[in-house]
Amino acid sequence: MIECKRYKTTSAFADPKWWTQACEAAEKAGKYPALVYKGDRLEERWRIPIQCLVNLSGYQEAMDVGEKYDWRFATELSFDDFCMVVRELL
């Protein structure tokens, strides 16, 4: 579930409300959240939960509450890195 934000003036860091919005939408859809944001004269940045990177190792969670990663723990990537992670997870 991709949430896109584009603002004329923004900092180099995503607004925490944007990530919350992306996580809530993804939770309802049963998908992973992804946030892409860009401000004028800044590179676009992609944010995904750390759980996506953990799953690259082949780790399969038991889908119980104790094994679920908190989506507040996230990483930011370039577009190329985001594409590599998505390709490997598919």
PDB file of N, CA and C in Angstrom:
ATOM      1  N   MET A   1       0.861  -1.157   0.000  1.00  0.00           N
ATOM      2  CA  MET A   1       0.000   0.000   0.000  1.00  0.00           C
ATOM      3  C   MET A   1       0.911   1.225   0.000  1.00  0.00           C
ATOM      4  N   ILE A   2       0.896   1.994  -1.070  1.00  0.00           N
ATOM      5  CA  ILE A   2       1.793   3.139  -1.204  1.00  0.00           C
ATOM      6  C   ILE A   2       1.045   4.439  -0.932  1.00  0.00           C
ATOM      7  N   GLU A   3       1.589   5.227  -0.042  1.00  0.00           N
ATOM      8  CA  GLU A   3       1.073   6.572   0.271  1.00  0.00           C
ATOM      9  C   GLU A   3       2.061   7.565  -0.323  1.00  0.00           C
ATOM     10  N   CYS A   4       1.579   8.495  -1.145  1.00  0.00           N
ATOM     11  CA  CYS A   4       2.439   9.468  -1.830  1.00  0.00           C
ATOM     12  C   CYS A   4       2.195  10.870  -1.283  1.00  0.00           C
ATOM     13  N   LYS A   5       3.271  11.590  -1.007  1.00  0.00           N
ATOM     14  CA  LYS A   5       3.181  12.966  -0.515  1.00  0.00           C
ATOM     15  C   LYS A   5       4.141  13.835  -1.308  1.00  0.00           C
ATOM     16  N   ARG A   6       3.678  15.003  -1.704  1.00  0.00           N
ATOM     17  CA  ARG A   6       4.517  15.951  -2.446  1.00  0.00           C
ATOM     18  C   ARG A   6       4.190  17.341  -1.916  1.00  0.00           C
ATOM     19  N   TYR A   7       5.197  18.016  -1.402  1.00  0.00           N
ATOM     20  CA  TYR A   7       5.006  19.347  -0.837  1.00  0.00           C
ATOM     21  C   TYR A   7       6.090  20.283  -1.339  1.00  0.00           C
ATOM     22  N   LYS A   8       5.704  21.536  -1.489  1.00  0.00           N
ATOM     23  CA  LYS A   8       6.676  22.535  -1.917  1.00  0.00           C
ATOM     24  C   LYS A   8       7.734  22.727  -0.848  1.00  0.00           C
ATOM     25  N   THR A   9       7.311  22.893   0.383  1.00  0.00           N
ATOM     26  CA  THR A   9       8.255  23.066   1.485  1.00  0.00           C
ATOM     27  C   THR A   9       8.071  21.937   2.479  1.00  0.00           C
ATOM     28  N   THR A  10       9.108  21.200   2.678  1.00  0.00           N
ATOM     29  CA  THR A  10       9.122  20.125   3.669  1.00  0.00           C
ATOM     30  C   THR A  10      10.569  19.912   4.085  1.00  0.00           C
ATOM     31  N   SER A  11      10.754  19.234   5.171  1.00  0.00           N
ATOM     32  CA  SER A  11      12.119  18.949   5.605  1.00  0.00           C
ATOM     33  C   SER A  11      12.611  17.697   4.886  1.00  0.00           C
ATOM     34  N   ALA A  12      13.829  17.315   5.166  1.00  0.00           N
ATOM     35  CA  ALA A  12      14.384  16.095   4.581  1.00  0.00           C
ATOM     36  C   ALA A  12      13.804  14.848   5.241  1.00  0.00           C
ATOM     37  N   PHE A  13      13.001  15.033   6.279  1.00  0.00           N
ATOM     38  CA  PHE A  13      12.407  13.914   7.010  1.00  0.00           C
ATOM     39  C   PHE A  13      10.894  13.930   6.845  1.00  0.00           C
ATOM     40  N   ALA A  14      10.303  12.754   6.801  1.00  0.00           N
ATOM     41  CA  ALA A  14       8.854  12.639   6.631  1.00  0.00           C
ATOM     42  C   ALA A  14       8.121  13.092   7.886  1.00  0.00           C
ATOM     43  N   ASP A  15       6.989  13.675   7.686  1.00  0.00           N
ATOM     44  CA  ASP A  15       6.101  14.042   8.789  1.00  0.00           C
ATOM     45  C   ASP A  15       5.580  12.739   9.416  1.00  0.00           C
ATOM     46  N   PRO A  16       5.658  12.583  10.721  1.00  0.00           N
ATOM     47  CA  PRO A  16       5.180  11.339  11.345  1.00  0.00           C
ATOM     48  C   PRO A  16       3.720  11.030  11.035  1.00  0.00           C
ATOM     49  N   LYS A  17       2.904  12.050  10.794  1.00  0.00           N
ATOM     50  CA  LYS A  17       1.494  11.822  10.456  1.00  0.00           C
ATOM     51  C   LYS A  17       1.355  11.091   9.127  1.00  0.00           C
ATOM     52  N   TRP A  18       2.286  11.331   8.194  1.00  0.00           N
ATOM     53  CA  TRP A  18       2.227  10.651   6.904  1.00  0.00           C
ATOM     54  C   TRP A  18       2.430   9.154   7.083  1.00  0.00           C
ATOM     55  N   TRP A  19       3.395   8.794   7.919  1.00  0.00           N
ATOM     56  CA  TRP A  19       3.685   7.372   8.136  1.00  0.00           C
ATOM     57  C   TRP A  19       2.526   6.703   8.858  1.00  0.00           C
ATOM     58  N   THR A  20       1.932   7.374   9.816  1.00  0.00           N
ATOM     59  CA  THR A  20       0.765   6.832  10.519  1.00  0.00           C
ATOM     60  C   THR A  20      -0.368   6.583   9.533  1.00  0.00           C
ATOM     61  N   GLN A  21      -0.599   7.529   8.650  1.00  0.00           N
ATOM     62  CA  GLN A  21      -1.646   7.391   7.635  1.00  0.00           C
ATOM     63  C   GLN A  21      -1.370   6.185   6.740  1.00  0.00           C
ATOM     64  N   ALA A  22      -0.142   6.018   6.301  1.00  0.00           N
ATOM     65  CA  ALA A  22       0.227   4.887   5.441  1.00  0.00           C
ATOM     66  C   ALA A  22       0.027   3.560   6.174  1.00  0.00           C
ATOM     67  N   CYS A  23       0.424   3.511   7.435  1.00  0.00           N
ATOM     68  CA  CYS A  23       0.296   2.272   8.224  1.00  0.00           C
ATOM     69  C   CYS A  23      -1.160   1.902   8.462  1.00  0.00           C
ATOM     70  N   GLU A  24      -1.994   2.890   8.752  1.00  0.00           N
ATOM     71  CA  GLU A  24      -3.418   2.610   8.976  1.00  0.00           C
ATOM     72  C   GLU A  24      -4.086   2.077   7.715  1.00  0.00           C
ATOM     73  N   ALA A  25      -3.773   2.664   6.574  1.00  0.00           N
ATOM     74  CA  ALA A  25      -4.358   2.202   5.308  1.00  0.00           C
ATOM     75  C   ALA A  25      -3.880   0.787   4.975  1.00  0.00           C
ATOM     76  N   ALA A  26      -2.594   0.520   5.194  1.00  0.00           N
ATOM     77  CA  ALA A  26      -2.044  -0.804   4.900  1.00  0.00           C
ATOM     78  C   ALA A  26      -2.628  -1.870   5.829  1.00  0.00           C
ATOM     79  N   GLU A  27      -2.820  -1.512   7.082  1.00  0.00           N
ATOM     80  CA  GLU A  27      -3.405  -2.458   8.049  1.00  0.00           C
ATOM     81  C   GLU A  27      -4.807  -2.873   7.604  1.00  0.00           C
ATOM     82  N   LYS A  28      -5.596  -1.914   7.164  1.00  0.00           N
ATOM     83  CA  LYS A  28      -6.952  -2.217   6.690  1.00  0.00           C
ATOM     84  C   LYS A  28      -6.932  -3.109   5.456  1.00  0.00           C
ATOM     85  N   ALA A  29      -5.946  -2.907   4.588  1.00  0.00           N
ATOM     86  CA  ALA A  29      -5.859  -3.670   3.344  1.00  0.00           C
ATOM     87  C   ALA A  29      -5.126  -4.997   3.515  1.00  0.00           C
ATOM     88  N   GLY A  30      -4.464  -5.188   4.662  1.00  0.00           N
ATOM     89  CA  GLY A  30      -3.695  -6.414   4.878  1.00  0.00           C
ATOM     90  C   GLY A  30      -2.410  -6.453   4.070  1.00  0.00           C
ATOM     91  N   LYS A  31      -1.819  -5.284   3.820  1.00  0.00           N
ATOM     92  CA  LYS A  31      -0.598  -5.158   3.027  1.00  0.00           C
ATOM     93  C   LYS A  31       0.481  -4.456   3.844  1.00  0.00           C
ATOM     94  N   TYR A  32       1.701  -4.427   3.320  1.00  0.00           N
ATOM     95  CA  TYR A  32       2.768  -3.635   3.925  1.00  0.00           C
ATOM     96  C   TYR A  32       2.597  -2.165   3.532  1.00  0.00           C
ATOM     97  N   PRO A  33       2.946  -1.241   4.428  1.00  0.00           N
ATOM     98  CA  PRO A  33       2.891   0.172   4.048  1.00  0.00           C
ATOM     99  C   PRO A  33       4.186   0.607   3.365  1.00  0.00           C
ATOM    100  N   ALA A  34       4.057   1.596   2.504  1.00  0.00           N
ATOM    101  CA  ALA A  34       5.209   2.267   1.898  1.00  0.00           C
ATOM    102  C   ALA A  34       4.825   3.734   1.756  1.00  0.00           C
ATOM    103  N   LEU A  35       5.737   4.594   2.098  1.00  0.00           N
ATOM    104  CA  LEU A  35       5.518   6.040   1.993  1.00  0.00           C
ATOM    105  C   LEU A  35       6.584   6.609   1.086  1.00  0.00           C
ATOM    106  N   VAL A  36       6.159   7.353   0.076  1.00  0.00           N
ATOM    107  CA  VAL A  36       7.100   8.084  -0.766  1.00  0.00           C
ATOM    108  C   VAL A  36       6.770   9.556  -0.595  1.00  0.00           C
ATOM    109  N   TYR A  37       7.810  10.358  -0.367  1.00  0.00           N
ATOM    110  CA  TYR A  37       7.583  11.790  -0.206  1.00  0.00           C
ATOM    111  C   TYR A  37       8.709  12.567  -0.868  1.00  0.00           C
ATOM    112  N   LYS A  38       8.364  13.772  -1.287  1.00  0.00           N
ATOM    113  CA  LYS A  38       9.328  14.617  -1.983  1.00  0.00           C
ATOM    114  C   LYS A  38       8.966  16.070  -1.753  1.00  0.00           C
ATOM    115  N   GLY A  39       9.980  16.859  -1.521  1.00  0.00           N
ATOM    116  CA  GLY A  39       9.833  18.302  -1.436  1.00  0.00           C
ATOM    117  C   GLY A  39      10.643  18.943  -2.541  1.00  0.00           C
ATOM    118  N   ASP A  40      10.381  20.203  -2.806  1.00  0.00           N
ATOM    119  CA  ASP A  40      11.154  20.913  -3.830  1.00  0.00           C
ATOM    120  C   ASP A  40      12.642  20.830  -3.535  1.00  0.00           C
ATOM    121  N   ARG A  41      13.400  20.548  -4.569  1.00  0.00           N
ATOM    122  CA  ARG A  41      14.867  20.478  -4.516  1.00  0.00           C
ATOM    123  C   ARG A  41      15.399  19.379  -3.588  1.00  0.00           C
ATOM    124  N   LEU A  42      14.571  18.401  -3.295  1.00  0.00           N
ATOM    125  CA  LEU A  42      14.992  17.270  -2.469  1.00  0.00           C
ATOM    126  C   LEU A  42      14.747  15.979  -3.241  1.00  0.00           C
ATOM    127  N   GLU A  43      15.598  14.997  -2.998  1.00  0.00           N
ATOM    128  CA  GLU A  43      15.401  13.675  -3.597  1.00  0.00           C
ATOM    129  C   GLU A  43      14.153  13.027  -2.991  1.00  0.00           C
ATOM    130  N   GLU A  44      13.475  12.217  -3.785  1.00  0.00           N
ATOM    131  CA  GLU A  44      12.354  11.472  -3.211  1.00  0.00           C
ATOM    132  C   GLU A  44      12.898  10.409  -2.271  1.00  0.00           C
ATOM    133  N   ARG A  45      12.157  10.118  -1.229  1.00  0.00           N
ATOM    134  CA  ARG A  45      12.541   9.105  -0.243  1.00  0.00           C
ATOM    135  C   ARG A  45      11.388   8.127  -0.072  1.00  0.00           C
ATOM    136  N   TRP A  46      11.742   6.880   0.127  1.00  0.00           N
ATOM    137  CA  TRP A  46      10.763   5.816   0.342  1.00  0.00           C
ATOM    138  C   TRP A  46      10.950   5.269   1.747  1.00  0.00           C
ATOM    139  N   ARG A  47       9.869   5.108   2.476  1.00  0.00           N
ATOM    140  CA  ARG A  47       9.923   4.539   3.827  1.00  0.00           C
ATOM    141  C   ARG A  47       9.117   3.249   3.839  1.00  0.00           C
ATOM    142  N   ILE A  48       9.735   2.199   4.383  1.00  0.00           N
ATOM    143  CA  ILE A  48       9.079   0.900   4.538  1.00  0.00           C
ATOM    144  C   ILE A  48       9.386   0.383   5.936  1.00  0.00           C
ATOM    145  N   PRO A  49       8.561  -0.524   6.455  1.00  0.00           N
ATOM    146  CA  PRO A  49       8.847  -1.089   7.775  1.00  0.00           C
ATOM    147  C   PRO A  49      10.067  -2.007   7.748  1.00  0.00           C
ATOM    148  N   ILE A  50      10.777  -2.060   8.854  1.00  0.00           N
ATOM    149  CA  ILE A  50      11.941  -2.949   9.002  1.00  0.00           C
ATOM    150  C   ILE A  50      11.532  -4.400   8.737  1.00  0.00           C
ATOM    151  N   GLN A  51      10.292  -4.732   9.027  1.00  0.00           N
ATOM    152  CA  GLN A  51       9.800  -6.093   8.813  1.00  0.00           C
ATOM    153  C   GLN A  51      10.031  -6.546   7.368  1.00  0.00           C
ATOM    154  N   CYS A  52       9.952  -5.648   6.405  1.00  0.00           N
ATOM    155  CA  CYS A  52      10.199  -6.005   4.996  1.00  0.00           C
ATOM    156  C   CYS A  52      11.635  -6.481   4.807  1.00  0.00           C
ATOM    157  N   LEU A  53      12.578  -5.808   5.448  1.00  0.00           N
ATOM    158  CA  LEU A  53      13.981  -6.210   5.319  1.00  0.00           C
ATOM    159  C   LEU A  53      14.245  -7.534   6.022  1.00  0.00           C
ATOM    160  N   VAL A  54      13.608  -7.743   7.164  1.00  0.00           N
ATOM    161  CA  VAL A  54      13.759  -9.011   7.885  1.00  0.00           C
ATOM    162  C   VAL A  54      13.229 -10.157   7.024  1.00  0.00           C
ATOM    163  N   ASN A  55      12.126  -9.924   6.341  1.00  0.00           N
ATOM    164  CA  ASN A  55      11.532 -10.972   5.516  1.00  0.00           C
ATOM    165  C   ASN A  55      12.375 -11.312   4.294  1.00  0.00           C
ATOM    166  N   LEU A  56      13.316 -10.451   3.922  1.00  0.00           N
ATOM    167  CA  LEU A  56      14.215 -10.763   2.807  1.00  0.00           C
ATOM    168  C   LEU A  56      15.086 -11.969   3.117  1.00  0.00           C
ATOM    169  N   SER A  57      15.319 -12.230   4.396  1.00  0.00           N
ATOM    170  CA  SER A  57      16.178 -13.347   4.789  1.00  0.00           C
ATOM    171  C   SER A  57      15.459 -14.694   4.700  1.00  0.00           C
ATOM    172  N   GLY A  58      14.185 -14.666   4.368  1.00  0.00           N
ATOM    173  CA  GLY A  58      13.410 -15.900   4.310  1.00  0.00           C
ATOM    174  C   GLY A  58      12.685 -16.199   5.601  1.00  0.00           C
ATOM    175  N   TYR A  59      12.791 -15.304   6.556  1.00  0.00           N
ATOM    176  CA  TYR A  59      12.120 -15.461   7.847  1.00  0.00           C
ATOM    177  C   TYR A  59      10.609 -15.472   7.656  1.00  0.00           C
ATOM    178  N   GLN A  60       9.941 -16.448   8.209  1.00  0.00           N
ATOM    179  CA  GLN A  60       8.488 -16.528   8.153  1.00  0.00           C
ATOM    180  C   GLN A  60       7.935 -16.375   9.566  1.00  0.00           C
ATOM    181  N   GLU A  61       7.183 -15.315   9.780  1.00  0.00           N
ATOM    182  CA  GLU A  61       6.617 -15.079  11.111  1.00  0.00           C
ATOM    183  C   GLU A  61       5.443 -16.014  11.359  1.00  0.00           C
ATOM    184  N   ALA A  62       5.167 -16.266  12.616  1.00  0.00           N
ATOM    185  CA  ALA A  62       4.083 -17.163  13.000  1.00  0.00           C
ATOM    186  C   ALA A  62       2.728 -16.462  12.977  1.00  0.00           C
ATOM    187  N   MET A  63       2.735 -15.155  12.649  1.00  0.00           N
ATOM    188  CA  MET A  63       1.523 -14.346  12.529  1.00  0.00           C
ATOM    189  C   MET A  63       0.780 -14.166  13.853  1.00  0.00           C
ATOM    190  N   ASP A  64       1.476 -14.321  14.975  1.00  0.00           N
ATOM    191  CA  ASP A  64       0.833 -14.018  16.245  1.00  0.00           C
ATOM    192  C   ASP A  64       1.334 -12.654  16.731  1.00  0.00           C
ATOM    193  N   VAL A  65       0.718 -12.143  17.758  1.00  0.00           N
ATOM    194  CA  VAL A  65       1.028 -10.796  18.235  1.00  0.00           C
ATOM    195  C   VAL A  65       2.487 -10.671  18.668  1.00  0.00           C
ATOM    196  N   GLY A  66       3.037 -11.708  19.271  1.00  0.00           N
ATOM    197  CA  GLY A  66       4.407 -11.655  19.761  1.00  0.00           C
ATOM    198  C   GLY A  66       5.453 -11.606  18.661  1.00  0.00           C
ATOM    199  N   GLU A  67       5.107 -12.055  17.455  1.00  0.00           N
ATOM    200  CA  GLU A  67       6.071 -12.105  16.356  1.00  0.00           C
ATOM    201  C   GLU A  67       5.952 -10.937  15.395  1.00  0.00           C
ATOM    202  N   LYS A  68       4.884 -10.175  15.496  1.00  0.00           N
ATOM    203  CA  LYS A  68       4.670  -9.085  14.548  1.00  0.00           C
ATOM    204  C   LYS A  68       5.575  -7.901  14.887  1.00  0.00           C
ATOM    205  N   TYR A  69       6.256  -7.387  13.876  1.00  0.00           N
ATOM    206  CA  TYR A  69       7.102  -6.209  14.058  1.00  0.00           C
ATOM    207  C   TYR A  69       6.235  -4.961  14.121  1.00  0.00           C
ATOM    208  N   ASP A  70       6.635  -4.034  14.952  1.00  0.00           N
ATOM    209  CA  ASP A  70       5.941  -2.756  15.046  1.00  0.00           C
ATOM    210  C   ASP A  70       6.348  -1.913  13.849  1.00  0.00           C
ATOM    211  N   TRP A  71       5.385  -1.430  13.079  1.00  0.00           N
ATOM    212  CA  TRP A  71       5.678  -0.662  11.880  1.00  0.00           C
ATOM    213  C   TRP A  71       6.256   0.727  12.179  1.00  0.00           C
ATOM    214  N   ARG A  72       6.278   1.120  13.452  1.00  0.00           N
ATOM    215  CA  ARG A  72       6.941   2.386  13.786  1.00  0.00           C
ATOM    216  C   ARG A  72       8.437   2.287  13.521  1.00  0.00           C
ATOM    217  N   PHE A  73       8.977   1.067  13.529  1.00  0.00           N
ATOM    218  CA  PHE A  73      10.388   0.857  13.216  1.00  0.00           C
ATOM    219  C   PHE A  73      10.498   0.724  11.698  1.00  0.00           C
ATOM    220  N   ALA A  74      11.040   1.745  11.064  1.00  0.00           N
ATOM    221  CA  ALA A  74      11.047   1.804   9.611  1.00  0.00           C
ATOM    222  C   ALA A  74      12.419   2.251   9.115  1.00  0.00           C
ATOM    223  N   THR A  75      12.621   2.079   7.832  1.00  0.00           N
ATOM    224  CA  THR A  75      13.852   2.520   7.195  1.00  0.00           C
ATOM    225  C   THR A  75      13.504   3.339   5.967  1.00  0.00           C
ATOM    226  N   GLU A  76      14.404   4.227   5.603  1.00  0.00           N
ATOM    227  CA  GLU A  76      14.195   5.050   4.419  1.00  0.00           C
ATOM    228  C   GLU A  76      15.189   4.649   3.342  1.00  0.00           C
ATOM    229  N   LEU A  77      14.686   4.582   2.122  1.00  0.00           N
ATOM    230  CA  LEU A  77      15.465   4.080   0.992  1.00  0.00           C
ATOM    231  C   LEU A  77      15.363   5.011  -0.205  1.00  0.00           C
ATOM    232  N   SER A  78      16.302   4.853  -1.122  1.00  0.00           N
ATOM    233  CA  SER A  78      16.185   5.506  -2.425  1.00  0.00           C
ATOM    234  C   SER A  78      15.187   4.696  -3.257  1.00  0.00           C
ATOM    235  N   PHE A  79      14.800   5.232  -4.392  1.00  0.00           N
ATOM    236  CA  PHE A  79      13.862   4.527  -5.258  1.00  0.00           C
ATOM    237  C   PHE A  79      14.453   3.196  -5.738  1.00  0.00           C
ATOM    238  N   ASP A  80      15.724   3.200  -6.132  1.00  0.00           N
ATOM    239  CA  ASP A  80      16.365   1.959  -6.603  1.00  0.00           C
ATOM    240  C   ASP A  80      16.394   0.892  -5.520  1.00  0.00           C
ATOM    241  N   ASP A  81      16.709   1.288  -4.280  1.00  0.00           N
ATOM    242  CA  ASP A  81      16.736   0.328  -3.176  1.00  0.00           C
ATOM    243  C   ASP A  81      15.338  -0.192  -2.867  1.00  0.00           C
ATOM    244  N   PHE A  82      14.349   0.696  -2.918  1.00  0.00           N
ATOM    245  CA  PHE A  82      12.956   0.287  -2.699  1.00  0.00           C
ATOM    246  C   PHE A  82      12.545  -0.754  -3.742  1.00  0.00           C
ATOM    247  N   CYS A  83      12.885  -0.511  -5.004  1.00  0.00           N
ATOM    248  CA  CYS A  83      12.538  -1.459  -6.074  1.00  0.00           C
ATOM    249  C   CYS A  83      13.193  -2.816  -5.853  1.00  0.00           C
ATOM    250  N   MET A  84      14.437  -2.830  -5.371  1.00  0.00           N
ATOM    251  CA  MET A  84      15.134  -4.085  -5.112  1.00  0.00           C
ATOM    252  C   MET A  84      14.412  -4.873  -4.003  1.00  0.00           C
ATOM    253  N   VAL A  85      14.013  -4.193  -2.937  1.00  0.00           N
ATOM    254  CA  VAL A  85      13.325  -4.873  -1.837  1.00  0.00           C
ATOM    255  C   VAL A  85      11.995  -5.441  -2.321  1.00  0.00           C
ATOM    256  N   VAL A  86      11.225  -4.647  -3.053  1.00  0.00           N
ATOM    257  CA  VAL A  86       9.927  -5.111  -3.561  1.00  0.00           C
ATOM    258  C   VAL A  86      10.116  -6.297  -4.497  1.00  0.00           C
ATOM    259  N   ARG A  87      11.105  -6.215  -5.373  1.00  0.00           N
ATOM    260  CA  ARG A  87      11.367  -7.327  -6.305  1.00  0.00           C
ATOM    261  C   ARG A  87      11.653  -8.608  -5.537  1.00  0.00           C
ATOM    262  N   GLU A  88      12.490  -8.523  -4.516  1.00  0.00           N
ATOM    263  CA  GLU A  88      12.859  -9.717  -3.758  1.00  0.00           C
ATOM    264  C   GLU A  88      11.712 -10.260  -2.929  1.00  0.00           C
ATOM    265  N   LEU A  89      10.828  -9.391  -2.447  1.00  0.00           N
ATOM    266  CA  LEU A  89       9.691  -9.867  -1.651  1.00  0.00           C
ATOM    267  C   LEU A  89       8.600 -10.510  -2.526  1.00  0.00           C
ATOM    268  N   LEU A  90       8.554 -10.089  -3.789  1.00  0.00           N
ATOM    269  CA  LEU A  90       7.545 -10.687  -4.690  1.00  0.00           C
ATOM    270  C   LEU A  90       7.994 -12.064  -5.107  1.00  0.00           C
TER     271      LEU A  90
END
